[in-house]
């Protein structure tokens, strides 16, 4: 795979305006306007009242770019929007690719026929989230926290107001935008489930493989335990749906905070070309390891639901006393209405402080 991140320069404007202003992507409309001095700080004084109009308008982001030479050799090129907040339409060189209505997922569109040898223009039009939820609420009323109708939109509810935050629904491109080029095949989806049988644990791996050439493929799976021990499997990929059962020897279990360690396992998958014919090497280790691989990190945890018996049965059983783990719930809402105002490092530090209590 070859990945070209469209880092800019980016420009933005209101949909009914003519002046293009410099923007930062990933980012948001509020942060860009604040950086340019077009709105006051919403968290100082009555700045929130003077910035409320931003979410009532539609906005456009624009990026002119030249595609990398390596993408021209790829059999499939996709435009990948990692996170659009939230109601958006995407255009490439004047052609509408599609729309987005969910800030929590990524969107992909095949764009190789639309790419030009010279300058390409990407336009992302962001619709007002307030206008969207009002229109949906009039059609089908739904109650919501902070604003009526927010349940119609897959957007963080806290953006419309919470006990700790203001009514300041952001809009923008909050994750990177990139072009990705693939050849022969790729792993389009990967899912891993755990199956516990006493002290034995099996990982059930399910993958969906997209291919553009009828070549024999294999899936190399690497499992590394918390001590650094590595186990590998290489299995043929015969259909689009690929499944495998991976036994975990002497599993190290993951314990909740304060009750034990949190050991992590690493699973890496890699598509490889099987040696059969002169073209089979087209997806060799150098290519497949970068273009068709996935990496997952996680702990082995078993959850068991127990129903509490009636009081009479509990008295009859009289189980031996044993220490009970402390159980408590908590949530980390947000480090601010605008994600870009709080860096990842500071947000991680706030989360660690919350765990320590």
Protein backbone atom coordinates (compact mmCIF):
# COMPACT_ATOMS: atom_id res chain seq x y z
CA UNK A 1 0.00 0.00 0.00
CA UNK A 2 1.05 3.57 -0.65
CA UNK A 3 -0.49 6.24 1.58
CA UNK A 4 -0.45 9.96 0.78
CA UNK A 5 -1.77 12.18 3.56
CA UNK A 6 -3.39 15.34 2.24
CA UNK A 7 -1.76 17.67 4.73
CA UNK A 8 -2.49 20.82 2.78
CA UNK A 9 -2.46 23.63 2.38
CA UNK A 10 -6.13 23.65 3.32
CA UNK A 11 -8.52 26.58 2.99
CA UNK A 12 -12.03 27.16 4.31
CA UNK A 13 -14.94 29.56 3.97
CA UNK A 14 -18.62 29.84 4.77
CA UNK A 15 -20.71 28.21 2.07
CA UNK A 16 -22.35 31.54 1.23
CA UNK A 17 -19.06 33.48 1.26
CA UNK A 18 -16.31 34.14 -1.25
CA UNK A 19 -13.18 34.66 0.89
CA UNK A 20 -11.01 31.57 1.35
CA UNK A 21 -9.13 31.55 4.68
CA UNK A 22 -6.21 29.34 5.78
CA UNK A 23 -7.26 26.26 7.73
CA UNK A 24 -5.70 23.49 9.75
CA UNK A 25 -6.63 19.86 9.11
CA UNK A 26 -7.26 17.94 11.33
CA UNK A 27 -9.15 20.67 13.12
CA UNK A 28 -12.50 22.42 13.25
CA UNK A 29 -14.23 25.55 12.03
CA UNK A 30 -14.28 27.11 15.50
CA UNK A 31 -10.54 26.61 15.99
CA UNK A 32 -9.74 28.02 12.55
CA UNK A 33 -11.89 31.09 13.14
CA UNK A 34 -10.40 31.54 16.60
CA UNK A 35 -6.84 31.34 15.20
CA UNK A 36 -7.71 34.08 12.71
CA UNK A 37 -9.34 36.29 15.31
CA UNK A 38 -12.76 36.05 13.61
CA UNK A 39 -14.51 34.92 16.81
CA UNK A 40 -13.72 35.51 20.50
CA UNK A 41 -12.68 32.67 22.78
CA UNK A 42 -15.99 30.89 23.59
CA UNK A 43 -14.69 30.00 27.07
CA UNK A 44 -13.96 33.57 28.13
CA UNK A 45 -16.59 36.05 29.22
CA UNK A 46 -19.61 36.09 26.92
CA UNK A 47 -17.58 34.72 23.99
CA UNK A 48 -19.89 31.73 23.69
CA UNK A 49 -22.81 34.00 22.76
CA UNK A 50 -20.75 35.68 20.04
CA UNK A 51 -19.58 32.34 18.60
CA UNK A 52 -22.96 30.60 18.53
CA UNK A 53 -23.59 31.60 14.90
CA UNK A 54 -20.79 29.37 13.60
CA UNK A 55 -22.77 26.12 13.97
CA UNK A 56 -25.78 27.67 12.26
CA UNK A 57 -23.99 28.05 8.91
CA UNK A 58 -22.61 25.65 6.29
CA UNK A 59 -18.86 25.64 5.65
CA UNK A 60 -16.51 24.39 2.95
CA UNK A 61 -12.94 23.09 3.14
CA UNK A 62 -10.74 22.95 0.05
CA UNK A 63 -7.39 21.34 -0.71
CA UNK A 64 -5.45 21.39 -3.99
CA UNK A 65 -2.90 18.60 -4.36
CA UNK A 66 -0.90 16.50 -6.80
CA UNK A 67 -1.15 12.75 -6.36
CA UNK A 68 2.06 10.83 -5.78
CA UNK A 69 3.59 8.97 -8.69
CA UNK A 70 3.29 5.66 -6.81
CA UNK A 71 -0.49 5.94 -6.81
CA UNK A 72 -0.58 5.86 -10.61
CA UNK A 73 0.79 2.31 -10.53
CA UNK A 74 -1.77 1.09 -7.98
CA UNK A 75 -4.70 -0.96 -9.21
CA UNK A 76 -7.10 0.76 -6.81
CA UNK A 77 -6.89 4.19 -5.19
CA UNK A 78 -9.25 5.28 -2.44
CA UNK A 79 -9.86 8.60 -0.73
CA UNK A 80 -10.03 7.93 3.00
CA UNK A 81 -11.63 10.43 5.38
CA UNK A 82 -10.75 9.28 8.89
CA UNK A 83 -13.26 11.53 10.64
CA UNK A 84 -15.79 14.06 9.37
CA UNK A 85 -17.79 16.05 11.90
CA UNK A 86 -20.50 15.40 10.94
CA UNK A 87 -22.96 16.11 8.10
CA UNK A 88 -20.73 16.40 5.04
CA UNK A 89 -20.57 16.05 1.26
CA UNK A 90 -17.29 15.20 -0.47
CA UNK A 91 -16.32 16.28 -4.00
CA UNK A 92 -13.18 15.50 -6.01
CA UNK A 93 -12.50 17.56 -9.12
CA UNK A 94 -16.16 18.60 -9.19
CA UNK A 95 -17.51 15.03 -8.94
CA UNK A 96 -19.61 14.19 -5.89
CA UNK A 97 -18.21 11.12 -4.12
CA UNK A 98 -20.78 10.76 -1.38
CA UNK A 99 -21.92 12.04 1.99
CA UNK A 100 -21.20 11.44 5.65
CA UNK A 101 -23.51 11.54 8.66
CA UNK A 102 -21.43 9.84 11.34
CA UNK A 103 -18.42 11.39 13.07
CA UNK A 104 -17.38 8.09 14.68
CA UNK A 105 -16.44 6.17 11.53
CA UNK A 106 -14.22 6.58 8.50
CA UNK A 107 -15.40 6.86 4.89
CA UNK A 108 -13.78 5.49 1.73
CA UNK A 109 -14.41 6.18 -1.94
CA UNK A 110 -12.70 4.74 -5.03
CA UNK A 111 -11.20 7.71 -6.89
CA UNK A 112 -8.57 6.46 -9.33
CA UNK A 113 -10.63 7.33 -12.47
CA UNK A 114 -11.11 10.87 -11.11
CA UNK A 115 -7.47 11.67 -10.37
CA UNK A 116 -5.70 13.96 -12.83
CA UNK A 117 -1.98 14.03 -13.70
CA UNK A 118 -1.71 17.63 -12.51
CA UNK A 119 -3.55 19.50 -9.77
CA UNK A 120 -6.57 17.87 -8.13
CA UNK A 121 -9.09 19.72 -5.99
CA UNK A 122 -10.83 18.15 -3.00
CA UNK A 123 -13.85 19.97 -1.55
CA UNK A 124 -15.62 18.95 1.66
CA UNK A 125 -18.88 20.76 2.40
CA UNK A 126 -19.97 20.68 6.05
CA UNK A 127 -23.65 21.18 6.77
CA UNK A 128 -24.93 22.87 9.92
CA UNK A 129 -25.58 20.21 12.57
CA UNK A 130 -28.19 22.46 14.20
CA UNK A 131 -30.15 22.82 10.97
CA UNK A 132 -29.95 19.06 10.42
CA UNK A 133 -31.26 18.02 13.84
CA UNK A 134 -34.01 20.67 13.74
CA UNK A 135 -35.20 19.39 10.36
CA UNK A 136 -35.16 15.78 11.55
CA UNK A 137 -36.86 16.71 14.83
CA UNK A 138 -39.72 18.43 12.99
CA UNK A 139 -40.18 15.32 10.89
CA UNK A 140 -39.97 12.93 13.84
CA UNK A 141 -39.70 14.47 17.32
CA UNK A 142 -37.09 12.89 19.58
CA UNK A 143 -36.05 14.21 22.99
CA UNK A 144 -32.39 14.91 23.54
CA UNK A 145 -29.99 16.23 26.13
CA UNK A 146 -29.00 19.79 25.41
CA UNK A 147 -30.94 20.12 22.17
CA UNK A 148 -34.10 18.52 20.71
CA UNK A 149 -33.46 15.97 17.98
CA UNK A 150 -29.78 15.25 18.64
CA UNK A 151 -30.56 11.52 18.66
CA UNK A 152 -31.04 11.73 14.89
CA UNK A 153 -27.34 12.44 14.36
CA UNK A 154 -24.33 10.22 15.05
CA UNK A 155 -22.40 12.98 16.77
CA UNK A 156 -21.09 13.33 20.32
CA UNK A 157 -24.16 14.37 22.36
CA UNK A 158 -21.98 16.53 24.61
CA UNK A 159 -21.37 18.85 21.65
CA UNK A 160 -24.92 20.14 22.14
CA UNK A 161 -24.39 20.90 25.82
CA UNK A 162 -23.76 18.90 28.98
CA UNK A 163 -23.47 19.55 32.67
CA UNK A 164 -19.74 20.24 32.21
CA UNK A 165 -19.76 21.77 28.74
CA UNK A 166 -21.42 24.54 26.71
CA UNK A 167 -23.69 24.30 23.70
CA UNK A 168 -20.96 24.58 21.09
CA UNK A 169 -21.40 21.88 18.39
CA UNK A 170 -18.14 21.81 16.43
CA UNK A 171 -17.84 21.15 12.71
CA UNK A 172 -14.77 20.11 10.81
CA UNK A 173 -12.36 17.44 9.60
CA UNK A 174 -11.18 16.01 12.88
CA UNK A 175 -9.04 13.15 11.56
CA UNK A 176 -6.56 12.98 8.66
CA UNK A 177 -7.60 12.76 5.00
CA UNK A 178 -5.46 10.53 2.78
CA UNK A 179 -5.18 8.70 -0.54
CA UNK A 180 -4.42 4.99 -0.32
CA UNK A 181 -3.30 2.87 -3.25
CA UNK A 182 -3.55 -0.92 -3.36
CA UNK A 183 -2.56 -3.65 -5.79
CA UNK A 184 -3.55 -7.34 -6.02
CA UNK A 185 -5.39 -7.53 -2.66
CA UNK A 186 -5.88 -6.04 0.78
CA UNK A 187 -7.36 -6.87 4.17
CA UNK A 188 -10.57 -4.83 4.18
CA UNK A 189 -11.79 -5.87 7.64
CA UNK A 190 -10.39 -7.75 10.62
CA UNK A 191 -12.17 -8.92 13.75
CA UNK A 192 -10.87 -11.05 16.65
CA UNK A 193 -12.98 -12.75 19.34
CA UNK A 194 -11.88 -14.69 22.41
CA UNK A 195 -13.28 -18.11 23.35
CA UNK A 196 -12.54 -19.40 26.86
CA UNK A 197 -12.72 -23.10 27.73
CA UNK A 198 -11.54 -23.49 31.29
CA UNK A 199 -7.87 -22.57 31.24
CA UNK A 200 -7.66 -22.76 27.45
CA UNK A 201 -8.18 -19.71 25.25
CA UNK A 202 -8.72 -19.60 21.50
CA UNK A 203 -8.67 -16.50 19.33
CA UNK A 204 -11.21 -16.61 16.50
CA UNK A 205 -9.94 -14.42 13.68
CA UNK A 206 -12.29 -13.25 10.94
CA UNK A 207 -11.07 -11.20 7.99
CA UNK A 208 -12.54 -9.91 4.76
CA UNK A 209 -10.13 -9.87 1.84
CA UNK A 210 -10.63 -7.76 -1.28
CA UNK A 211 -8.63 -8.79 -4.34
CA UNK A 212 -8.22 -7.37 -7.82
CA UNK A 213 -6.19 -10.17 -9.38
CA UNK A 214 -6.86 -13.89 -9.35
CA UNK A 215 -3.58 -14.90 -7.72
CA UNK A 216 -3.07 -17.42 -4.92
CA UNK A 217 -2.73 -15.72 -1.54
CA UNK A 218 -1.86 -16.74 1.98
CA UNK A 219 -2.41 -15.06 5.33
CA UNK A 220 0.57 -14.95 7.67
CA UNK A 221 -0.58 -14.51 11.28
CA UNK A 222 1.86 -13.60 14.04
CA UNK A 223 0.96 -13.77 17.74
CA UNK A 224 3.32 -12.26 20.31
CA UNK A 225 2.58 -12.84 23.99
CA UNK A 226 3.44 -10.39 26.81
CA UNK A 227 6.82 -12.12 27.35
CA UNK A 228 7.86 -11.65 23.73
CA UNK A 229 7.33 -15.25 22.61
CA UNK A 230 6.20 -15.41 18.96
CA UNK A 231 3.99 -17.98 17.23
CA UNK A 232 3.31 -17.88 13.48
CA UNK A 233 0.78 -19.47 11.17
CA UNK A 234 0.51 -19.23 7.38
CA UNK A 235 -2.84 -20.27 5.93
CA UNK A 236 -4.21 -20.14 2.36
CA UNK A 237 -6.80 -17.49 1.49
CA UNK A 238 -9.31 -19.07 -0.87
CA UNK A 239 -12.39 -16.85 -0.50
CA UNK A 240 -13.31 -13.31 0.44
CA UNK A 241 -14.23 -14.41 3.98
CA UNK A 242 -11.21 -15.76 5.87
CA UNK A 243 -11.42 -17.44 9.29
CA UNK A 244 -8.82 -19.00 11.57
CA UNK A 245 -8.73 -20.45 15.09
CA UNK A 246 -5.56 -19.57 17.02
CA UNK A 247 -4.81 -21.42 20.28
CA UNK A 248 -3.17 -19.37 23.03
CA UNK A 249 -0.76 -21.43 25.12
CA UNK A 250 -0.56 -20.56 28.82
CA UNK A 251 -2.68 -17.42 28.50
CA UNK A 252 -1.77 -14.38 30.60
CA UNK A 253 -5.02 -12.88 31.76
CA UNK A 254 -5.78 -9.17 31.86
CA UNK A 255 -6.99 -7.88 35.23
CA UNK A 256 -8.92 -4.69 36.08
CA UNK A 257 -7.00 -1.79 37.57
CA UNK A 258 -5.80 -2.59 41.09
CA UNK A 259 -6.49 -6.35 40.90
CA UNK A 260 -3.49 -7.46 38.87
CA UNK A 261 -1.43 -6.86 35.77
CA UNK A 262 -2.71 -5.87 32.33
CA UNK A 263 -0.59 -8.00 29.96
CA UNK A 264 -1.13 -7.35 26.26
CA UNK A 265 -0.93 -9.59 23.21
CA UNK A 266 -0.06 -8.43 19.70
CA UNK A 267 -1.66 -10.00 16.61
CA UNK A 268 -0.27 -9.09 13.18
CA UNK A 269 -1.78 -10.27 9.90
CA UNK A 270 -0.11 -10.05 6.51
CA UNK A 271 -1.29 -11.02 3.03
CA UNK A 272 1.36 -12.78 1.00
CA UNK A 273 1.59 -14.16 -2.53
CA UNK A 274 2.06 -17.92 -2.81
CA UNK A 275 4.95 -19.07 -5.05
CA UNK A 276 3.12 -20.33 -8.14
CA UNK A 277 4.11 -18.68 -11.39
CA UNK A 278 6.06 -15.57 -12.33
CA UNK A 279 3.37 -13.14 -11.08
CA UNK A 280 2.98 -14.69 -7.66
CA UNK A 281 5.77 -12.61 -6.22
CA UNK A 282 3.82 -9.42 -6.85
CA UNK A 283 2.68 -9.45 -3.23
CA UNK A 284 5.90 -10.47 -1.60
CA UNK A 285 7.11 -9.70 1.89
CA UNK A 286 8.29 -6.21 1.05
CA UNK A 287 4.99 -5.23 -0.56
CA UNK A 288 2.49 -7.14 1.51
CA UNK A 289 4.02 -6.29 4.84
CA UNK A 290 3.33 -2.63 4.21
CA UNK A 291 0.26 -2.75 2.00
CA UNK A 292 -1.95 -5.53 3.25
CA UNK A 293 -1.15 -5.88 6.94
CA UNK A 294 -3.11 -5.23 10.11
CA UNK A 295 -1.94 -5.00 13.73
CA UNK A 296 -4.11 -5.49 16.81
CA UNK A 297 -3.16 -5.11 20.48
CA UNK A 298 -5.36 -6.38 23.30
CA UNK A 299 -5.64 -8.29 26.55
CA UNK A 300 -7.21 -11.66 27.33
CA UNK A 301 -10.16 -11.06 29.60
CA UNK A 302 -13.03 -13.29 30.67
CA UNK A 303 -16.24 -11.71 31.90
CA UNK A 304 -18.83 -13.82 33.64
CA UNK A 305 -22.28 -12.60 34.62
CA UNK A 306 -23.62 -13.97 37.89
CA UNK A 307 -27.15 -13.48 39.13
CA UNK A 308 -27.42 -12.89 42.85
CA UNK A 309 -29.54 -15.63 44.49
CA UNK A 310 -32.37 -14.78 46.89
CA UNK A 311 -31.44 -13.89 50.47
CA UNK A 312 -32.68 -17.23 51.82
CA UNK A 313 -30.43 -19.23 49.51
CA UNK A 314 -27.45 -17.06 50.37
CA UNK A 315 -27.97 -17.75 54.09
CA UNK A 316 -28.23 -21.50 53.51
CA UNK A 317 -25.04 -21.65 51.44
CA UNK A 318 -22.96 -19.51 53.81
CA UNK A 319 -19.92 -19.38 51.53
CA UNK A 320 -16.48 -18.90 52.99
CA UNK A 321 -15.53 -15.29 53.40
CA UNK A 322 -13.11 -13.96 50.82
CA UNK A 323 -12.03 -10.46 49.91
CA UNK A 324 -14.30 -8.71 47.48
CA UNK A 325 -12.78 -6.48 44.83
CA UNK A 326 -13.74 -2.83 44.92
CA UNK A 327 -16.10 -2.06 42.06
CA UNK A 328 -16.86 1.43 40.84
CA UNK A 329 -17.90 3.13 37.66
CA UNK A 330 -16.63 6.28 36.11
CA UNK A 331 -16.43 8.11 32.84
CA UNK A 332 -14.07 10.53 31.18
CA UNK A 333 -16.38 12.82 29.25
CA UNK A 334 -14.07 15.15 27.40
CA UNK A 335 -11.14 17.49 27.89
CA UNK A 336 -13.10 20.23 26.14
CA UNK A 337 -15.73 20.90 23.52
CA UNK A 338 -13.05 21.40 20.87
CA UNK A 339 -10.80 18.36 20.62
CA UNK A 340 -7.93 20.30 19.12
CA UNK A 341 -7.60 22.55 22.17
CA UNK A 342 -6.44 19.63 24.29
CA UNK A 343 -3.60 17.55 22.88
CA UNK A 344 -3.52 13.77 23.07
CA UNK A 345 -0.76 13.85 25.70
CA UNK A 346 -2.75 16.07 28.06
CA UNK A 347 -5.92 14.03 27.54
CA UNK A 348 -4.00 10.82 28.34
CA UNK A 349 -2.63 12.45 31.50
CA UNK A 350 -6.12 13.41 32.64
CA UNK A 351 -7.26 9.83 32.06
CA UNK A 352 -4.39 8.42 34.14
CA UNK A 353 -5.19 10.82 36.96
CA UNK A 354 -8.79 9.63 36.90
CA UNK A 355 -7.68 5.98 37.21
CA UNK A 356 -5.54 6.79 40.21
CA UNK A 357 -8.52 8.54 41.81
